[in-house]
Protein backbone atom coordinates (compact mmCIF):
# COMPACT_ATOMS: atom_id res chain seq x y z
CA MET A 1 104.34 132.28 85.71
CA ASP A 2 107.53 130.68 86.04
CA LEU A 3 107.83 127.42 85.64
CA ILE A 4 111.30 125.56 85.42
CA ALA A 5 111.80 122.14 85.11
CA ARG A 6 114.41 120.02 87.65
CA ASP A 7 117.52 120.88 84.38
CA ASN A 8 116.03 124.62 84.67
CA LYS A 9 114.92 124.15 80.96
CA PRO A 10 111.29 125.40 80.36
CA CYS A 11 108.40 123.69 81.23
CA SER A 12 106.80 123.07 77.65
CA SER A 13 103.18 124.65 77.18
CA GLU A 14 101.35 121.28 77.31
CA LEU A 15 102.56 120.69 80.95
CA LYS A 16 101.49 124.34 82.01
CA ALA A 17 98.26 123.49 80.95
CA ASN A 18 98.06 119.99 82.49
CA LEU A 19 98.98 121.33 85.62
CA GLY A 20 96.21 124.38 85.61
CA MET A 21 97.89 127.13 87.35
CA ALA A 22 95.93 129.74 88.44
CA ALA A 23 98.28 131.71 90.86
CA VAL A 24 100.79 134.48 90.34
CA GLY A 25 103.85 133.63 91.40
CA ARG A 26 107.04 131.17 90.67
CA VAL A 27 106.88 127.46 90.87
CA ARG A 28 109.43 125.49 90.45
CA ILE A 29 109.34 121.51 90.27
CA ASP A 30 112.38 120.30 91.93
CA LEU A 31 111.79 116.66 91.00
CA PRO A 32 110.17 115.32 88.11
CA LEU A 33 106.93 114.71 87.48
CA PRO A 34 105.71 111.15 87.59
CA LEU A 35 106.45 108.83 85.00
CA PHE A 36 108.71 110.71 82.92
CA PRO A 37 110.89 108.18 81.00
CA GLY A 38 114.08 107.12 82.84
CA LEU A 39 112.84 108.49 85.95
CA PRO A 40 110.23 105.87 87.25
CA ARG A 41 111.41 106.43 90.98
CA ARG A 42 111.59 109.95 91.65
CA ARG A 43 108.58 111.56 93.46
CA ALA A 44 107.35 114.72 91.96
CA TRP A 45 106.51 117.96 94.56
CA LEU A 46 105.36 121.57 93.38
CA GLU A 47 106.92 124.40 95.18
CA CYS A 48 105.11 127.72 94.85
CA GLY A 49 105.81 131.17 95.90
CA SER A 50 106.37 134.82 95.25
CA PRO A 51 108.09 137.64 96.00
CA ASN A 52 105.56 138.43 98.49
CA ALA A 53 105.47 135.02 99.87
CA THR A 54 106.80 133.62 102.88
CA GLY A 55 108.23 130.69 102.81
CA ILE A 56 107.51 128.25 99.83
CA GLN A 57 104.64 125.50 99.57
CA ARG A 58 104.76 122.38 98.59
CA ILE A 59 102.05 120.00 96.40
CA ASP A 60 102.57 116.45 96.26
CA LEU A 61 101.49 116.02 92.57
CA LYS A 62 101.07 112.40 92.61
CA ARG A 63 98.45 112.52 95.51
CA GLY A 64 97.11 115.56 93.93
CA ARG A 65 97.14 117.15 97.80
CA PRO A 66 98.67 119.73 99.93
CA GLN A 67 102.13 118.12 102.19
CA ASN A 68 101.27 120.75 104.89
CA ARG A 69 98.33 122.83 106.49
CA GLN A 70 99.99 125.60 104.94
CA SER A 71 99.48 124.50 101.64
CA GLU A 72 95.65 124.16 102.35
CA LYS A 73 94.86 128.08 101.49
CA LEU A 74 97.37 127.79 98.31
CA MET A 75 95.67 124.61 96.99
CA THR A 76 92.38 126.24 96.42
CA THR A 77 93.62 128.63 93.86
CA ILE A 78 96.33 125.79 92.66
CA GLN A 79 94.88 122.56 91.50
CA PRO A 80 97.59 120.39 89.90
CA ARG A 81 95.41 118.27 87.23
CA VAL A 82 98.54 116.22 86.13
CA SER A 83 96.79 114.00 83.24
CA ILE A 84 99.52 111.96 81.63
CA ALA A 85 98.93 109.33 79.16
CA SER A 86 101.77 107.07 79.52
CA PRO A 87 102.72 103.59 79.09
CA ALA A 88 104.59 104.04 81.90
CA ILE A 89 101.59 103.57 84.39
CA ARG A 90 100.64 100.61 86.15
CA ILE A 91 97.58 99.96 88.57
CA LEU A 92 97.96 97.38 91.20
CA LEU A 93 94.70 95.37 92.00
CA TRP A 94 95.32 93.94 95.08
CA ASP A 95 93.33 91.24 96.64
CA ILE A 96 92.85 91.13 100.01
CA ASP A 97 92.17 87.77 102.10
CA GLY A 98 95.47 85.73 101.58
CA THR A 99 96.92 88.40 100.28
CA LEU A 100 97.06 91.58 102.20
CA MET A 101 95.62 89.77 105.49
CA ARG A 102 93.57 86.65 106.99
CA SER A 103 91.36 85.30 109.68
CA THR A 104 92.93 84.40 112.96
CA ARG A 105 91.24 80.88 112.29
CA THR A 106 90.32 79.18 109.42
CA ASP A 107 86.86 79.45 108.14
CA SER A 108 86.10 81.97 110.27
CA TYR A 109 84.23 84.00 107.80
CA LYS A 110 81.24 81.61 108.65
CA ASP A 111 80.67 83.26 111.60
CA TYR A 112 79.17 85.83 110.15
CA THR A 113 78.12 84.69 106.76
CA ALA A 114 76.17 81.22 107.76
CA PRO A 115 74.09 84.10 109.93
CA MET A 116 73.40 86.35 106.96
CA LEU A 117 72.25 83.48 104.47
CA GLU A 118 69.65 82.29 107.54
CA ALA A 119 68.53 85.70 107.88
CA VAL A 120 67.85 86.60 104.57
CA PHE A 121 67.04 83.22 102.97
CA GLY A 122 66.23 80.61 106.27
CA THR A 123 69.05 78.61 105.16
CA SER A 124 72.71 78.39 104.98
CA GLY A 125 72.73 75.74 102.69
CA ARG A 126 75.87 73.98 101.89
CA LEU A 127 77.88 76.81 103.35
CA HIS A 128 78.96 74.50 106.01
CA GLU A 129 81.25 72.48 103.80
CA MET A 130 82.66 74.98 100.98
CA LYS A 131 86.25 75.72 100.45
CA VAL A 132 85.65 79.45 99.63
CA SER A 133 88.93 80.88 98.67
CA GLY A 134 89.16 83.20 95.43
CA MET A 135 85.58 83.17 94.87
CA THR A 136 83.79 86.67 95.00
CA ASP A 137 80.81 87.05 97.58
CA LEU A 138 77.94 86.49 95.11
CA GLN A 139 79.24 83.40 94.07
CA ILE A 140 79.66 82.00 97.59
CA VAL A 141 76.12 82.81 98.17
CA ALA A 142 75.10 81.30 94.85
CA GLU A 143 77.09 77.65 95.55
CA ALA A 144 76.26 77.76 99.15
CA LEU A 145 72.46 77.50 98.44
CA ARG A 146 72.14 76.31 94.88
CA ASP A 147 70.22 72.92 95.95
CA GLU A 148 68.04 75.31 97.94
CA GLY A 149 66.10 76.64 94.91
CA PHE A 150 67.61 79.67 94.48
CA THR A 151 68.43 81.32 91.51
CA HIS A 152 71.27 84.16 90.73
CA GLU A 153 68.18 86.40 89.69
CA SER A 154 66.48 85.51 92.87
CA ILE A 155 69.62 86.10 95.24
CA ARG A 156 70.08 89.55 93.03
CA SER A 157 66.43 90.95 93.88
CA ARG A 158 68.19 90.89 97.50
CA GLY A 159 71.10 92.04 97.01
CA ALA A 160 70.45 95.19 99.08
CA GLU A 161 68.98 93.26 102.32
CA LEU A 162 71.95 90.77 101.84
CA ARG A 163 74.57 93.61 101.99
CA GLN A 164 73.11 94.74 104.97
CA ARG A 165 72.69 91.99 106.76
CA TYR A 166 76.22 90.70 106.06
CA MET A 167 77.91 93.93 107.70
CA MET A 168 75.75 94.01 110.86
CA GLU A 169 76.71 89.99 111.33
CA MET A 170 80.32 90.61 110.38
CA GLU A 171 80.48 94.70 112.75
CA ARG A 172 78.88 91.89 115.38
CA VAL A 173 81.70 89.57 114.79
CA THR A 174 84.88 92.12 114.81
CA GLY A 175 83.54 93.64 117.59
CA ASN A 176 83.47 90.86 120.29
CA GLY A 177 86.66 91.88 121.53
CA LYS A 178 88.80 89.30 119.49
CA THR A 179 91.01 89.35 117.08
CA GLN A 180 89.74 88.56 114.06
CA PHE A 181 92.17 89.37 111.48
CA GLU A 182 96.36 89.90 111.17
CA LEU A 183 98.07 91.45 108.18
CA LEU A 184 100.57 89.48 106.75
CA PRO A 185 104.41 90.24 107.30
CA GLY A 186 105.40 93.01 104.80
CA VAL A 187 102.12 94.29 103.80
CA ARG A 188 102.14 97.64 105.18
CA GLU A 189 106.08 98.47 103.87
CA THR A 190 105.04 97.17 100.51
CA LEU A 191 101.72 99.34 100.18
CA GLN A 192 104.58 102.22 101.56
CA ALA A 193 107.03 101.75 98.99
CA VAL A 194 104.41 101.40 96.05
CA SER A 195 102.56 104.11 97.18
CA GLU A 196 105.83 106.59 96.97
CA HIS A 197 106.96 105.10 93.51
CA PRO A 198 105.75 107.67 90.72
CA ARG A 199 104.73 104.48 88.67
CA TYR A 200 102.30 102.57 90.88
CA GLN A 201 98.99 103.20 92.35
CA SER A 202 96.79 100.86 93.83
CA ALA A 203 93.07 99.70 93.84
CA LEU A 204 91.26 96.85 95.52
CA LEU A 205 89.92 93.95 93.29
CA THR A 206 88.19 91.54 96.13
CA GLY A 207 85.81 88.95 95.92
CA ASN A 208 84.52 90.53 99.34
CA ILE A 209 81.48 93.29 99.00
CA LYS A 210 82.73 96.68 98.90
CA ALA A 211 81.33 97.55 102.52
CA ALA A 212 83.09 94.85 104.37
CA ALA A 213 86.68 94.91 101.95
CA HIS A 214 87.03 99.07 103.19
CA LEU A 215 85.82 97.67 106.89
CA LYS A 216 88.80 95.23 106.79
CA MET A 217 91.09 98.00 105.39
CA LYS A 218 90.31 100.05 107.88
CA LEU A 219 90.77 97.78 110.92
CA MET A 220 93.90 96.95 109.61
CA GLY A 221 95.08 100.24 109.35
CA LEU A 222 95.45 100.36 105.40
CA SER A 223 92.77 102.44 103.93
CA GLU A 224 94.95 105.25 102.58
CA TYR A 225 96.77 103.47 100.34
CA PHE A 226 93.25 102.65 98.30
CA THR A 227 92.99 105.92 96.25
CA LEU A 228 91.87 104.69 93.57
CA PRO A 229 88.13 102.73 93.05
CA GLY A 230 88.57 99.02 92.72
CA ALA A 231 86.03 95.93 92.13
CA PHE A 232 84.10 94.01 94.39
CA GLY A 233 82.29 90.63 94.96
CA GLU A 234 78.64 91.93 94.79
CA GLU A 235 79.13 92.66 91.10
CA SER A 236 79.39 89.39 89.91
CA TYR A 237 79.15 85.38 90.41
CA ASP A 238 82.48 85.21 87.90
CA ARG A 239 85.87 87.01 89.45
CA ARG A 240 86.71 86.76 86.15
CA ASP A 241 84.55 90.11 85.42
CA LEU A 242 85.81 92.39 88.34
CA PRO A 243 89.35 93.30 86.31
CA ALA A 244 87.31 95.53 83.51
CA PHE A 245 84.68 97.04 85.94
CA ALA A 246 88.03 97.74 88.25
CA ALA A 247 89.92 99.40 84.54
CA GLU A 248 86.72 101.22 83.54
CA ARG A 249 86.14 103.11 86.73
CA ILE A 250 89.81 103.69 87.41
CA GLN A 251 90.57 105.07 83.63
CA ARG A 252 87.37 107.67 84.43
CA HIS A 253 88.83 108.55 87.79
CA LEU A 254 92.81 109.29 86.01
CA GLY A 255 91.02 110.82 83.13
CA MET A 256 93.53 108.45 80.71
CA GLU A 257 93.08 105.38 78.59
CA LEU A 258 95.04 102.47 80.00
CA GLN A 259 95.79 98.90 78.35
CA PRO A 260 94.92 96.21 80.10
CA ALA A 261 98.88 95.08 80.35
CA GLN A 262 99.36 97.74 82.43
CA PHE A 263 97.15 96.47 85.38
CA ILE A 264 98.79 93.96 87.49
CA VAL A 265 96.39 91.56 89.62
CA ILE A 266 98.42 90.24 92.97
CA GLY A 267 96.96 87.59 94.76
CA ASP A 268 97.37 83.95 96.43
CA THR A 269 94.69 82.03 94.44
CA PRO A 270 94.22 80.41 90.59
CA ASN A 271 91.37 82.70 90.39
CA ASP A 272 93.37 85.72 90.85
CA ILE A 273 95.51 84.41 88.13
CA ALA A 274 92.10 83.44 86.14
CA CYS A 275 90.30 86.90 86.22
CA ALA A 276 94.01 88.44 85.09
CA LYS A 277 94.33 86.32 81.98
CA HIS A 278 90.59 86.82 81.17
CA PHE A 279 91.28 90.68 81.42
CA GLY A 280 94.93 90.71 79.59
CA ALA A 281 96.43 91.99 82.47
CA ARG A 282 99.43 90.98 84.30
CA ALA A 283 99.44 88.38 87.38
CA VAL A 284 101.71 88.13 90.48
CA ALA A 285 100.83 85.56 92.31
CA VAL A 286 101.36 85.06 96.47
CA CYS A 287 101.77 82.45 98.47
CA THR A 288 100.19 83.51 101.61
CA GLY A 289 97.10 82.06 101.28
CA ARG A 290 95.91 78.76 102.92
CA MET A 291 95.28 76.68 100.33
CA TYR A 292 97.88 76.95 97.42
CA SER A 293 101.46 76.14 97.53
CA ALA A 294 103.76 77.64 95.26
CA GLU A 295 103.47 74.92 92.69
CA GLU A 296 100.49 74.54 92.30
CA LEU A 297 99.67 78.71 91.62
CA ARG A 298 102.99 78.35 88.88
CA ALA A 299 101.17 75.42 87.29
CA HIS A 300 97.97 78.40 86.19
CA GLY A 301 100.68 80.64 84.82
CA PRO A 302 101.14 84.02 86.44
CA ASP A 303 103.49 85.79 85.38
CA ALA A 304 105.70 86.14 88.68
CA VAL A 305 105.50 84.05 91.92
CA LEU A 306 106.50 85.30 95.64
CA PRO A 307 106.52 83.80 98.81
CA ASN A 308 105.17 86.17 100.42
CA LEU A 309 105.39 90.08 100.58
CA SER A 310 108.37 90.58 103.13
CA ASP A 311 110.68 91.44 101.19
CA VAL A 312 110.03 94.91 100.36
CA GLU A 313 113.13 95.00 96.97
CA LEU A 314 112.22 91.82 95.92
CA VAL A 315 108.30 92.67 95.84
CA VAL A 316 109.25 96.08 93.41
CA GLU A 317 111.91 94.43 91.59
CA THR A 318 109.25 91.49 90.55
CA LEU A 319 106.41 94.13 89.89
CA GLU A 320 109.60 96.52 87.83
CA ALA A 321 110.14 92.64 85.82
CA VAL A 322 106.38 91.90 84.91
CA SER A 323 105.75 96.10 83.66
CA SER A 324 108.56 95.92 81.74
CA GLU A 325 107.08 95.18 78.57
CA LEU A 326 103.17 96.13 77.42
């Protein structure tokens, strides 16, 4: 098999091994592979063909899947395995509420959280008076019930019931025909831009329980952008624990070792900034939540503050700036 890089220099044996090629024919890499030094913005395609082949088959090396149906058969014999332990890669850990989307009404989460608590524990405690921005769902339950005699252990022991009832109530509310959530400006365009940039991959890091997070992404049409495992609100009472959970899963998923500074937490609350700092990640604050101004967020020391995600070029430039040094 012939492997030729874009500059027509032979590819290394290590690269051939990483690609894990098992087909007969000629392979041309028309664009630099992701994370090659100095070429952070180029998409890599593997073009495969043979003397008897009709046309060229293309595989997206970053996503590891065919570009079109004609490539499906090829993928059964060619499985790109690009495992490049490079300091260039950055993992974007996205908050959801107040960052990517928000409810159309303030405190509308109580429409499904209160009935869940009442069904499982017989009371919603002090939920009605709480402000929960930046908290995990497990933390919200504990805080709501703190004067009702329920310990952290007793709450965790009912975790399966809590998740089941939570989703039942959430699906009831989101399925009533009324618009419950709205996408924030520039979100889809930003996610599309970073998904096409070989340096970045995205995961969710959110206070929502996993099922609720994925339901929200489905409702907003954003699921395709989050292909890496993340960390979610049923996993800890303290949001600061979540980046480490996500990092462990992502490193295992990618088959590479990453430093904490290769992760960037993007969120709208001081808790997002705090969890990034606790782990050693970078923090980018966005001022699209309902509770915190730019000045209040800056006081917590994020690496950067964005007014919103509507200026895609500014967002990417900001990510590049905070990614510049390990």
